[in-house]
């Protein structure tokens, strides 16, 4: 399996437009209030500087305090490099006025010898949270995971981020086999959802 896992991840990572080519876009495209949302898909390396600064600004406004109180701490340069990594892929949500309202960044990786789609960040403007936008992006990731033969979608969430834990649980994510135990003293959980059968 390990050799296959590496091959599958390499192949998935080489797709230039995986969501479009493999027809993985979510069929859900309206918020709970009926607004139509569209999505742009791109590699991190193809983001314009303005787009990247918007991505980073949203990450920072949503997550800075959480990172500062976490065991990881906050390192701005490290986070910028992480978001702009050559293996990072983006789904950017656009509202009916053409404004960016959220994004998820993901990577195809081998995790404990298993090929997975890792949801690295999922950030949405506060005014668009709890309206179904995040669920739409997860739906696309799950479809993409199936089409690229990844075994599951994974995410790491701070234990004190109740809203995020609730969101992932609501969408069917559970503690992964690799999740730290309750008595580990660590302040994050690793969640996953098996890739749906096609």
Protein backbone atom coordinates (compact mmCIF):
# COMPACT_ATOMS: atom_id res chain seq x y z
CA UNK A 1 0.00 0.00 0.00
CA UNK A 2 2.70 2.61 0.85
CA UNK A 3 4.11 2.58 -2.69
CA UNK A 4 0.62 2.88 -4.15
CA UNK A 5 -0.18 5.68 -1.71
CA UNK A 6 2.79 7.72 -2.90
CA UNK A 7 1.89 7.14 -6.54
CA UNK A 8 -1.74 8.08 -6.00
CA UNK A 9 -0.80 11.27 -4.16
CA UNK A 10 1.74 12.23 -6.80
CA UNK A 11 -0.80 11.67 -9.57
CA UNK A 12 -3.53 13.62 -7.75
CA UNK A 13 -1.15 16.50 -7.04
CA UNK A 14 -0.22 16.82 -10.71
CA UNK A 15 -3.78 17.56 -11.89
CA UNK A 16 -3.83 21.16 -13.03
CA UNK A 17 -7.61 21.58 -12.66
CA UNK A 18 -8.73 18.53 -10.70
CA UNK A 19 -12.17 19.77 -9.63
CA UNK A 20 -13.19 20.79 -13.15
CA UNK A 21 -11.56 17.89 -15.01
CA UNK A 22 -12.92 15.22 -12.68
CA UNK A 23 -16.33 16.91 -12.32
CA UNK A 24 -16.19 17.17 -8.53
CA UNK A 25 -17.91 20.50 -7.94
CA UNK A 26 -20.64 20.38 -5.32
CA UNK A 27 -24.18 20.43 -6.62
CA UNK A 28 -25.14 22.60 -3.65
CA UNK A 29 -24.57 26.25 -4.51
CA UNK A 30 -27.07 28.31 -2.53
CA UNK A 31 -26.76 29.50 1.04
CA UNK A 32 -29.44 28.90 3.66
CA UNK A 33 -30.69 32.37 2.69
CA UNK A 34 -30.93 31.50 -1.02
CA UNK A 35 -27.86 33.39 -2.28
CA UNK A 36 -26.00 31.69 -5.11
CA UNK A 37 -22.33 31.00 -4.43
CA UNK A 38 -19.72 30.24 -7.11
CA UNK A 39 -16.23 28.84 -6.69
CA UNK A 40 -12.79 29.38 -8.15
CA UNK A 41 -10.18 26.63 -8.07
CA UNK A 42 -6.44 27.14 -8.25
CA UNK A 43 -3.02 26.11 -7.10
CA UNK A 44 -1.51 28.27 -4.37
CA UNK A 45 1.29 29.16 -6.76
CA UNK A 46 -1.28 30.68 -9.16
CA UNK A 47 -2.82 33.06 -6.63
CA UNK A 48 -2.22 36.73 -7.37
CA UNK A 49 -0.49 38.70 -4.61
CA UNK A 50 -3.77 40.49 -3.89
CA UNK A 51 -5.64 37.19 -3.61
CA UNK A 52 -2.99 35.77 -1.32
CA UNK A 53 -3.07 38.82 0.96
CA UNK A 54 -6.85 38.46 1.17
CA UNK A 55 -6.45 34.76 2.04
CA UNK A 56 -3.91 35.54 4.72
CA UNK A 57 -5.89 38.45 6.14
CA UNK A 58 -8.98 36.25 6.55
CA UNK A 59 -6.93 33.49 8.15
CA UNK A 60 -5.40 35.98 10.57
CA UNK A 61 -8.66 37.67 11.56
CA UNK A 62 -10.35 34.30 12.15
CA UNK A 63 -7.47 32.39 13.74
CA UNK A 64 -4.74 34.62 15.20
CA UNK A 65 -6.03 34.54 18.78
CA UNK A 66 -6.51 30.77 18.64
CA UNK A 67 -2.98 30.19 17.38
CA UNK A 68 -1.56 32.51 20.02
CA UNK A 69 -3.20 30.54 22.81
CA UNK A 70 -2.43 27.15 21.27
CA UNK A 71 0.58 24.97 22.05
CA UNK A 72 1.80 25.60 18.50
CA UNK A 73 2.00 29.36 18.93
CA UNK A 74 1.89 31.76 15.98
CA UNK A 75 4.65 32.18 13.41
CA UNK A 76 3.57 34.47 10.60
CA UNK A 77 6.32 33.60 8.12
CA UNK A 78 5.79 29.90 8.65
CA UNK A 79 2.03 30.24 8.09
CA UNK A 80 2.52 32.31 4.95
CA UNK A 81 4.88 29.70 3.54
CA UNK A 82 2.45 26.93 4.45
CA UNK A 83 -0.44 28.62 2.64
CA UNK A 84 1.71 29.31 -0.41
CA UNK A 85 3.30 25.86 -0.59
CA UNK A 86 3.56 24.36 -4.08
CA UNK A 87 1.36 21.44 -2.97
CA UNK A 88 -1.44 23.68 -1.65
CA UNK A 89 -4.65 23.89 -3.66
CA UNK A 90 -7.44 26.42 -3.13
CA UNK A 91 -11.20 26.56 -3.46
CA UNK A 92 -12.35 30.18 -3.14
CA UNK A 93 -16.03 30.97 -2.54
CA UNK A 94 -17.54 34.00 -4.29
CA UNK A 95 -20.87 35.61 -3.40
CA UNK A 96 -23.52 36.91 -5.83
CA UNK A 97 -21.80 40.33 -5.91
CA UNK A 98 -18.52 38.80 -7.02
CA UNK A 99 -16.86 39.24 -3.62
CA UNK A 100 -14.61 36.61 -2.06
CA UNK A 101 -16.25 35.29 1.10
CA UNK A 102 -14.23 32.24 2.09
CA UNK A 103 -11.82 29.52 1.04
CA UNK A 104 -10.47 26.12 1.81
CA UNK A 105 -6.92 25.09 1.10
CA UNK A 106 -6.14 21.40 0.79
CA UNK A 107 -3.34 19.02 -0.13
CA UNK A 108 -3.07 15.43 -1.27
CA UNK A 109 -0.73 13.72 1.19
CA UNK A 110 0.32 10.31 2.49
CA UNK A 111 -0.74 10.10 6.14
CA UNK A 112 0.34 6.97 8.04
CA UNK A 113 0.81 5.15 4.70
CA UNK A 114 -2.67 6.11 3.49
CA UNK A 115 -3.42 8.52 0.60
CA UNK A 116 -5.67 11.30 1.91
CA UNK A 117 -7.04 14.72 1.02
CA UNK A 118 -6.04 17.01 3.87
CA UNK A 119 -8.23 20.05 4.50
CA UNK A 120 -5.50 22.43 5.65
CA UNK A 121 -7.61 25.50 6.30
CA UNK A 122 -11.27 26.34 5.90
CA UNK A 123 -11.94 30.01 6.55
CA UNK A 124 -15.16 31.93 5.95
CA UNK A 125 -16.06 35.56 6.59
CA UNK A 126 -18.04 35.81 9.86
CA UNK A 127 -21.04 37.24 7.98
CA UNK A 128 -21.23 34.07 5.84
CA UNK A 129 -20.63 31.48 8.55
CA UNK A 130 -23.40 29.00 9.39
CA UNK A 131 -24.98 29.47 5.96
CA UNK A 132 -23.81 26.27 4.27
CA UNK A 133 -20.75 27.62 2.43
CA UNK A 134 -18.23 25.48 4.33
CA UNK A 135 -20.35 22.40 3.75
CA UNK A 136 -20.35 23.08 0.02
CA UNK A 137 -16.55 23.17 -0.02
CA UNK A 138 -16.27 19.97 2.05
CA UNK A 139 -18.68 18.30 -0.37
CA UNK A 140 -16.35 19.18 -3.25
CA UNK A 141 -13.32 17.89 -1.32
CA UNK A 142 -15.09 14.60 -0.61
CA UNK A 143 -16.04 14.13 -4.26
CA UNK A 144 -12.49 15.03 -5.31
CA UNK A 145 -11.12 12.57 -2.78
CA UNK A 146 -13.23 9.81 -4.32
CA UNK A 147 -12.24 10.65 -7.91
CA UNK A 148 -8.51 10.72 -7.05
CA UNK A 149 -8.63 7.48 -5.02
CA UNK A 150 -7.78 9.10 -1.71
CA UNK A 151 -9.11 7.05 1.22
CA UNK A 152 -10.41 9.89 3.38
CA UNK A 153 -10.58 13.63 3.97
CA UNK A 154 -8.77 14.81 7.11
CA UNK A 155 -8.58 18.00 9.16
CA UNK A 156 -6.83 19.17 12.31
CA UNK A 157 -8.91 21.30 14.69
CA UNK A 158 -8.06 22.98 17.99
CA UNK A 159 -9.98 21.41 20.86
CA UNK A 160 -10.99 24.86 22.08
CA UNK A 161 -12.42 25.81 18.67
CA UNK A 162 -15.96 24.65 19.44
CA UNK A 163 -17.50 26.19 16.31
CA UNK A 164 -15.09 24.34 14.02
CA UNK A 165 -15.44 21.03 15.87
CA UNK A 166 -19.23 21.37 15.65
CA UNK A 167 -19.05 22.15 11.95
CA UNK A 168 -16.94 19.09 11.10
CA UNK A 169 -18.98 16.78 13.31
CA UNK A 170 -22.18 18.04 11.68
CA UNK A 171 -20.69 17.13 8.31
CA UNK A 172 -19.91 13.57 9.37
CA UNK A 173 -16.30 13.88 10.53
CA UNK A 174 -15.16 11.83 13.53
CA UNK A 175 -11.95 11.38 15.50
CA UNK A 176 -9.36 9.77 13.25
CA UNK A 177 -7.38 6.71 14.33
CA UNK A 178 -4.37 9.04 14.54
CA UNK A 179 -6.14 11.56 16.81
CA UNK A 180 -4.26 12.24 20.09
CA UNK A 181 -5.90 10.56 23.08
CA UNK A 182 -7.83 12.60 25.65
CA UNK A 183 -5.01 12.23 28.17
CA UNK A 184 -2.24 13.22 25.71
CA UNK A 185 -2.23 16.81 26.93
CA UNK A 186 -2.33 18.04 23.33
CA UNK A 187 -4.80 20.78 22.39
CA UNK A 188 -5.92 19.61 18.98
CA UNK A 189 -7.95 16.81 17.41
CA UNK A 190 -7.45 15.04 14.10
CA UNK A 191 -10.75 14.40 12.37
CA UNK A 192 -11.55 12.42 9.24
CA UNK A 193 -14.34 11.15 7.03
CA UNK A 194 -13.97 8.14 4.79
CA UNK A 195 -14.18 8.94 1.11
CA UNK A 196 -17.63 8.07 -0.27
CA UNK A 197 -17.89 5.21 -2.73
CA UNK A 198 -18.50 6.43 -6.25
